[in-house]
């Protein structure tokens, strides 16, 4: 069983595109996270300022989603100072929360492997979006999840060591409480330790 471990955050401003730097900073303090695909790290929420930055507010949190038996491994994060590029944040005391079923779930950035054909290695943008939608729906069906899916038309970017990776926002409406919990537990797509493909209640 997975749960959310939520650390309140204090700070000023952070980059919108902070998934990789947050993953790196946490992995430095908790090496267990680095190679463990059972762990997800959610993106920090905040109000947009200066186009590419977020202001850290009272509701901003660093959230790790992981198996219950691994929670104690996160102890070094309590009270820790992290640097996201040149922007410092401070973590508070962790709070553990079980998943709750929600009718509406949202991820601001989902990245999937598009499986482009060898004879068409460079899909144009409209085709990439259509292929993305097909892959997301296929992943949900493979996991036995029934949910109505809606997709943003404007891509978001994750910057990683190797360069920039494109994905899109996704809204899901699960058909049952069990589907809602399963979506939160499994996520969709890749780079989940870098803030991608992790679903939360839309108003969370």
C-alpha atoms as a PDB file:
ATOM      1  CA  UNK A   1       0.000   0.000   0.000  1.00  0.00           C
ATOM      2  CA  UNK A   2       1.252   3.460  -0.913  1.00  0.00           C
ATOM      3  CA  UNK A   3       0.644   6.686   0.979  1.00  0.00           C
ATOM      4  CA  UNK A   4       1.549  10.371   0.699  1.00  0.00           C
ATOM      5  CA  UNK A   5       4.191  11.916   2.953  1.00  0.00           C
ATOM      6  CA  UNK A   6       3.739  15.691   2.919  1.00  0.00           C
ATOM      7  CA  UNK A   7       6.382  18.168   4.048  1.00  0.00           C
ATOM      8  CA  UNK A   8       5.307  21.811   4.434  1.00  0.00           C
ATOM      9  CA  UNK A   9       7.602  24.152   2.534  1.00  0.00           C
ATOM     10  CA  UNK A  10       8.865  27.610   3.381  1.00  0.00           C
ATOM     11  CA  UNK A  11      10.689  29.740   0.876  1.00  0.00           C
ATOM     12  CA  UNK A  12      10.165  32.572  -1.560  1.00  0.00           C
ATOM     13  CA  UNK A  13      10.250  31.690  -5.245  1.00  0.00           C
ATOM     14  CA  UNK A  14      11.065  28.457  -7.109  1.00  0.00           C
ATOM     15  CA  UNK A  15      11.262  27.590 -10.811  1.00  0.00           C
ATOM     16  CA  UNK A  16       8.114  26.141 -12.365  1.00  0.00           C
ATOM     17  CA  UNK A  17      10.316  23.531 -14.024  1.00  0.00           C
ATOM     18  CA  UNK A  18      11.767  22.089 -10.808  1.00  0.00           C
ATOM     19  CA  UNK A  19      11.024  18.356 -11.077  1.00  0.00           C
ATOM     20  CA  UNK A  20      14.555  17.196 -11.846  1.00  0.00           C
ATOM     21  CA  UNK A  21      16.277  19.538  -9.387  1.00  0.00           C
ATOM     22  CA  UNK A  22      13.882  18.521  -6.587  1.00  0.00           C
ATOM     23  CA  UNK A  23      14.515  14.836  -7.346  1.00  0.00           C
ATOM     24  CA  UNK A  24      18.282  15.436  -7.277  1.00  0.00           C
ATOM     25  CA  UNK A  25      18.175  17.369  -4.001  1.00  0.00           C
ATOM     26  CA  UNK A  26      16.043  14.721  -2.272  1.00  0.00           C
ATOM     27  CA  UNK A  27      18.161  11.855  -3.636  1.00  0.00           C
ATOM     28  CA  UNK A  28      21.283  13.512  -2.205  1.00  0.00           C
ATOM     29  CA  UNK A  29      19.796  13.339   1.299  1.00  0.00           C
ATOM     30  CA  UNK A  30      17.902  10.063   0.823  1.00  0.00           C
ATOM     31  CA  UNK A  31      19.837   7.897  -1.683  1.00  0.00           C
ATOM     32  CA  UNK A  32      17.148   5.209  -1.414  1.00  0.00           C
ATOM     33  CA  UNK A  33      14.935   7.434  -3.592  1.00  0.00           C
ATOM     34  CA  UNK A  34      17.309   7.647  -6.553  1.00  0.00           C
ATOM     35  CA  UNK A  35      16.880   4.203  -8.071  1.00  0.00           C
ATOM     36  CA  UNK A  36      13.532   3.243  -6.567  1.00  0.00           C
ATOM     37  CA  UNK A  37      10.656   3.251  -9.024  1.00  0.00           C
ATOM     38  CA  UNK A  38       8.129   2.657  -6.251  1.00  0.00           C
ATOM     39  CA  UNK A  39       8.700   6.258  -5.135  1.00  0.00           C
ATOM     40  CA  UNK A  40       7.064   9.275  -6.747  1.00  0.00           C
ATOM     41  CA  UNK A  41       7.785  12.940  -6.013  1.00  0.00           C
ATOM     42  CA  UNK A  42       5.019  15.406  -6.779  1.00  0.00           C
ATOM     43  CA  UNK A  43       5.570  18.886  -8.136  1.00  0.00           C
ATOM     44  CA  UNK A  44       5.409  21.733  -5.602  1.00  0.00           C
ATOM     45  CA  UNK A  45       2.333  23.893  -6.063  1.00  0.00           C
ATOM     46  CA  UNK A  46       2.373  27.670  -5.949  1.00  0.00           C
ATOM     47  CA  UNK A  47       1.135  30.837  -7.635  1.00  0.00           C
ATOM     48  CA  UNK A  48       2.732  31.726 -10.959  1.00  0.00           C
ATOM     49  CA  UNK A  49       4.992  34.785 -10.890  1.00  0.00           C
ATOM     50  CA  UNK A  50       7.356  36.109 -13.544  1.00  0.00           C
ATOM     51  CA  UNK A  51       6.002  33.540 -16.064  1.00  0.00           C
ATOM     52  CA  UNK A  52       8.514  30.759 -15.294  1.00  0.00           C
ATOM     53  CA  UNK A  53       8.471  30.859 -11.487  1.00  0.00           C
ATOM     54  CA  UNK A  54       6.183  29.968  -8.605  1.00  0.00           C
ATOM     55  CA  UNK A  55       5.787  31.745  -5.307  1.00  0.00           C
ATOM     56  CA  UNK A  56       5.932  29.435  -2.292  1.00  0.00           C
ATOM     57  CA  UNK A  57       2.812  29.817  -0.159  1.00  0.00           C
ATOM     58  CA  UNK A  58       1.224  28.381   2.970  1.00  0.00           C
ATOM     59  CA  UNK A  59      -0.240  25.470   0.967  1.00  0.00           C
ATOM     60  CA  UNK A  60       3.007  24.565  -0.821  1.00  0.00           C
ATOM     61  CA  UNK A  61       4.303  21.104   0.028  1.00  0.00           C
ATOM     62  CA  UNK A  62       6.925  18.592  -0.999  1.00  0.00           C
ATOM     63  CA  UNK A  63       4.997  15.332  -1.363  1.00  0.00           C
ATOM     64  CA  UNK A  64       6.525  11.878  -1.733  1.00  0.00           C
ATOM     65  CA  UNK A  65       4.296   8.964  -2.647  1.00  0.00           C
ATOM     66  CA  UNK A  66       5.719   5.604  -1.583  1.00  0.00           C
ATOM     67  CA  UNK A  67       4.988   2.274   0.151  1.00  0.00           C
ATOM     68  CA  UNK A  68       4.021   2.626   3.804  1.00  0.00           C
ATOM     69  CA  UNK A  69       6.897   0.421   4.980  1.00  0.00           C
ATOM     70  CA  UNK A  70       9.457   2.865   3.501  1.00  0.00           C
ATOM     71  CA  UNK A  71       8.224   6.024   5.237  1.00  0.00           C
ATOM     72  CA  UNK A  72      10.898   5.892   7.964  1.00  0.00           C
ATOM     73  CA  UNK A  73      13.595   6.231   5.290  1.00  0.00           C
ATOM     74  CA  UNK A  74      12.486   9.826   4.712  1.00  0.00           C
ATOM     75  CA  UNK A  75      13.517  11.009   8.204  1.00  0.00           C
ATOM     76  CA  UNK A  76      16.540  13.011   6.876  1.00  0.00           C
ATOM     77  CA  UNK A  77      14.130  15.304   5.001  1.00  0.00           C
ATOM     78  CA  UNK A  78      12.460  16.709   8.109  1.00  0.00           C
ATOM     79  CA  UNK A  79      13.833  20.204   8.668  1.00  0.00           C
ATOM     80  CA  UNK A  80      16.126  19.893   5.649  1.00  0.00           C
ATOM     81  CA  UNK A  81      17.198  22.799   3.449  1.00  0.00           C
ATOM     82  CA  UNK A  82      17.092  22.100  -0.272  1.00  0.00           C
ATOM     83  CA  UNK A  83      18.353  24.109  -3.240  1.00  0.00           C
ATOM     84  CA  UNK A  84      16.272  24.113  -6.426  1.00  0.00           C
ATOM     85  CA  UNK A  85      18.790  25.583  -8.822  1.00  0.00           C
ATOM     86  CA  UNK A  86      19.632  28.825  -6.984  1.00  0.00           C
ATOM     87  CA  UNK A  87      16.427  28.960  -4.955  1.00  0.00           C
ATOM     88  CA  UNK A  88      16.401  27.663  -1.352  1.00  0.00           C
ATOM     89  CA  UNK A  89      13.458  25.991   0.381  1.00  0.00           C
ATOM     90  CA  UNK A  90      13.068  24.604   3.892  1.00  0.00           C
ATOM     91  CA  UNK A  91      11.045  21.507   4.747  1.00  0.00           C
ATOM     92  CA  UNK A  92       8.992  21.143   7.903  1.00  0.00           C
ATOM     93  CA  UNK A  93       7.642  18.154   9.816  1.00  0.00           C
ATOM     94  CA  UNK A  94       6.131  15.391   7.709  1.00  0.00           C
ATOM     95  CA  UNK A  95       2.462  14.478   7.734  1.00  0.00           C
ATOM     96  CA  UNK A  96       1.296  11.078   6.475  1.00  0.00           C
ATOM     97  CA  UNK A  97      -1.959  10.827   4.530  1.00  0.00           C
ATOM     98  CA  UNK A  98      -3.748   7.856   2.998  1.00  0.00           C
ATOM     99  CA  UNK A  99      -5.251   8.203  -0.459  1.00  0.00           C
ATOM    100  CA  UNK A 100      -8.870   9.291  -0.682  1.00  0.00           C
ATOM    101  CA  UNK A 101     -11.152   8.578  -3.631  1.00  0.00           C
ATOM    102  CA  UNK A 102     -11.891  11.688  -5.699  1.00  0.00           C
ATOM    103  CA  UNK A 103     -14.158  12.184  -8.702  1.00  0.00           C
ATOM    104  CA  UNK A 104     -11.703  14.486 -10.469  1.00  0.00           C
ATOM    105  CA  UNK A 105      -7.938  13.916 -10.656  1.00  0.00           C
ATOM    106  CA  UNK A 106      -5.320  16.049 -12.357  1.00  0.00           C
ATOM    107  CA  UNK A 107      -1.654  15.952 -13.347  1.00  0.00           C
ATOM    108  CA  UNK A 108      -0.074  19.110 -14.754  1.00  0.00           C
ATOM    109  CA  UNK A 109       2.554  17.130 -16.681  1.00  0.00           C
ATOM    110  CA  UNK A 110       2.345  13.564 -17.954  1.00  0.00           C
ATOM    111  CA  UNK A 111       5.183  12.141 -20.062  1.00  0.00           C
ATOM    112  CA  UNK A 112       4.921   8.838 -21.910  1.00  0.00           C
ATOM    113  CA  UNK A 113       7.091   6.944 -24.367  1.00  0.00           C
ATOM    114  CA  UNK A 114       5.391   7.552 -27.689  1.00  0.00           C
ATOM    115  CA  UNK A 115       6.861   4.515 -29.447  1.00  0.00           C
ATOM    116  CA  UNK A 116       7.412   6.392 -32.712  1.00  0.00           C
ATOM    117  CA  UNK A 117       7.763   4.210 -35.790  1.00  0.00           C
ATOM    118  CA  UNK A 118      11.169   3.807 -37.399  1.00  0.00           C
ATOM    119  CA  UNK A 119       9.807   5.040 -40.729  1.00  0.00           C
ATOM    120  CA  UNK A 120       8.451   8.186 -39.016  1.00  0.00           C
ATOM    121  CA  UNK A 121      10.907   9.040 -36.235  1.00  0.00           C
ATOM    122  CA  UNK A 122       9.936  12.710 -35.892  1.00  0.00           C
ATOM    123  CA  UNK A 123       6.219  13.195 -35.466  1.00  0.00           C
ATOM    124  CA  UNK A 124       4.853  16.713 -35.874  1.00  0.00           C
ATOM    125  CA  UNK A 125       3.159  18.376 -32.881  1.00  0.00           C
ATOM    126  CA  UNK A 126      -0.509  17.504 -33.662  1.00  0.00           C
ATOM    127  CA  UNK A 127       0.428  13.871 -34.302  1.00  0.00           C
ATOM    128  CA  UNK A 128       2.476  13.732 -31.096  1.00  0.00           C
ATOM    129  CA  UNK A 129      -0.502  14.923 -29.074  1.00  0.00           C
ATOM    130  CA  UNK A 130      -2.827  12.359 -30.658  1.00  0.00           C
ATOM    131  CA  UNK A 131      -0.271   9.610 -30.101  1.00  0.00           C
ATOM    132  CA  UNK A 132       0.139  10.784 -26.494  1.00  0.00           C
ATOM    133  CA  UNK A 133      -3.607  10.522 -25.907  1.00  0.00           C
ATOM    134  CA  UNK A 134      -3.687   6.988 -27.332  1.00  0.00           C
ATOM    135  CA  UNK A 135      -0.786   5.856 -25.127  1.00  0.00           C
ATOM    136  CA  UNK A 136      -2.339   7.293 -21.946  1.00  0.00           C
ATOM    137  CA  UNK A 137      -5.674   5.587 -22.628  1.00  0.00           C
ATOM    138  CA  UNK A 138      -3.872   2.330 -23.416  1.00  0.00           C
ATOM    139  CA  UNK A 139      -1.954   2.457 -20.127  1.00  0.00           C
ATOM    140  CA  UNK A 140      -5.173   2.978 -18.185  1.00  0.00           C
ATOM    141  CA  UNK A 141      -6.847   0.013 -19.929  1.00  0.00           C
ATOM    142  CA  UNK A 142      -3.802  -2.195 -19.331  1.00  0.00           C
ATOM    143  CA  UNK A 143      -4.087  -1.539 -15.593  1.00  0.00           C
ATOM    144  CA  UNK A 144      -7.803  -2.240 -15.559  1.00  0.00           C
ATOM    145  CA  UNK A 145      -8.600   1.404 -14.770  1.00  0.00           C
ATOM    146  CA  UNK A 146     -11.816   2.877 -16.105  1.00  0.00           C
ATOM    147  CA  UNK A 147     -11.675   6.659 -16.309  1.00  0.00           C
ATOM    148  CA  UNK A 148     -12.756   9.419 -18.646  1.00  0.00           C
ATOM    149  CA  UNK A 149      -9.657  11.286 -19.849  1.00  0.00           C
ATOM    150  CA  UNK A 150      -9.273  14.886 -21.003  1.00  0.00           C
ATOM    151  CA  UNK A 151      -6.071  16.441 -22.279  1.00  0.00           C
ATOM    152  CA  UNK A 152      -4.547  19.898 -22.320  1.00  0.00           C
ATOM    153  CA  UNK A 153      -3.639  21.283 -25.743  1.00  0.00           C
ATOM    154  CA  UNK A 154      -0.540  23.156 -24.639  1.00  0.00           C
ATOM    155  CA  UNK A 155       2.539  21.113 -23.660  1.00  0.00           C
ATOM    156  CA  UNK A 156       4.627  21.522 -20.533  1.00  0.00           C
ATOM    157  CA  UNK A 157       8.354  20.874 -20.290  1.00  0.00           C
ATOM    158  CA  UNK A 158      10.563  18.921 -17.900  1.00  0.00           C
ATOM    159  CA  UNK A 159      14.263  19.791 -18.039  1.00  0.00           C
ATOM    160  CA  UNK A 160      16.527  16.854 -17.215  1.00  0.00           C
ATOM    161  CA  UNK A 161      20.263  16.267 -17.431  1.00  0.00           C
ATOM    162  CA  UNK A 162      20.012  15.132 -21.049  1.00  0.00           C
ATOM    163  CA  UNK A 163      17.800  18.006 -22.231  1.00  0.00           C
ATOM    164  CA  UNK A 164      14.110  18.910 -22.355  1.00  0.00           C
ATOM    165  CA  UNK A 165      11.203  16.441 -22.407  1.00  0.00           C
ATOM    166  CA  UNK A 166       7.679  17.390 -23.491  1.00  0.00           C
ATOM    167  CA  UNK A 167       4.393  16.245 -22.002  1.00  0.00           C
ATOM    168  CA  UNK A 168       0.837  17.444 -21.473  1.00  0.00           C
ATOM    169  CA  UNK A 169      -1.654  18.069 -18.652  1.00  0.00           C
ATOM    170  CA  UNK A 170      -4.215  15.321 -18.093  1.00  0.00           C
ATOM    171  CA  UNK A 171      -7.548  15.328 -16.261  1.00  0.00           C
ATOM    172  CA  UNK A 172      -9.127  12.017 -15.270  1.00  0.00           C
ATOM    173  CA  UNK A 173     -12.622  11.224 -14.031  1.00  0.00           C
ATOM    174  CA  UNK A 174     -12.525   7.726 -12.512  1.00  0.00           C
ATOM    175  CA  UNK A 175     -15.633   5.587 -12.776  1.00  0.00           C
ATOM    176  CA  UNK A 176     -15.285   4.149  -9.267  1.00  0.00           C
ATOM    177  CA  UNK A 177     -13.590   4.783  -5.945  1.00  0.00           C
ATOM    178  CA  UNK A 178     -11.277   1.836  -6.611  1.00  0.00           C
ATOM    179  CA  UNK A 179     -10.236   3.375  -9.946  1.00  0.00           C
ATOM    180  CA  UNK A 180      -9.505   6.684  -8.226  1.00  0.00           C
ATOM    181  CA  UNK A 181      -7.256   5.067  -5.629  1.00  0.00           C
ATOM    182  CA  UNK A 182      -5.454   2.982  -8.249  1.00  0.00           C
ATOM    183  CA  UNK A 183      -4.710   6.051 -10.391  1.00  0.00           C
ATOM    184  CA  UNK A 184      -3.141   7.775  -7.393  1.00  0.00           C
ATOM    185  CA  UNK A 185      -1.114   4.677  -6.501  1.00  0.00           C
ATOM    186  CA  UNK A 186       0.238   3.932  -9.973  1.00  0.00           C
ATOM    187  CA  UNK A 187       0.304   7.257 -11.781  1.00  0.00           C
ATOM    188  CA  UNK A 188       0.628   7.359 -15.563  1.00  0.00           C
ATOM    189  CA  UNK A 189       3.745   7.454 -17.696  1.00  0.00           C
ATOM    190  CA  UNK A 190       7.408   7.959 -16.846  1.00  0.00           C
ATOM    191  CA  UNK A 191       9.544  10.382 -14.784  1.00  0.00           C
ATOM    192  CA  UNK A 192       7.258  10.035 -11.753  1.00  0.00           C
ATOM    193  CA  UNK A 193      10.169  10.740  -9.386  1.00  0.00           C
ATOM    194  CA  UNK A 194      10.588  14.046 -11.223  1.00  0.00           C
ATOM    195  CA  UNK A 195       7.035  15.252 -10.682  1.00  0.00           C
ATOM    196  CA  UNK A 196       5.403  13.793 -13.796  1.00  0.00           C
ATOM    197  CA  UNK A 197       2.319  11.599 -14.122  1.00  0.00           C
ATOM    198  CA  UNK A 198       1.291  11.876 -10.464  1.00  0.00           C
ATOM    199  CA  UNK A 199      -2.408  12.611  -9.972  1.00  0.00           C
ATOM    200  CA  UNK A 200      -3.992  14.695  -7.248  1.00  0.00           C
ATOM    201  CA  UNK A 201      -7.459  15.943  -6.486  1.00  0.00           C
ATOM    202  CA  UNK A 202      -7.972  18.924  -8.786  1.00  0.00           C
ATOM    203  CA  UNK A 203      -8.516  21.304  -5.886  1.00  0.00           C
ATOM    204  CA  UNK A 204      -5.591  19.887  -3.788  1.00  0.00           C
END
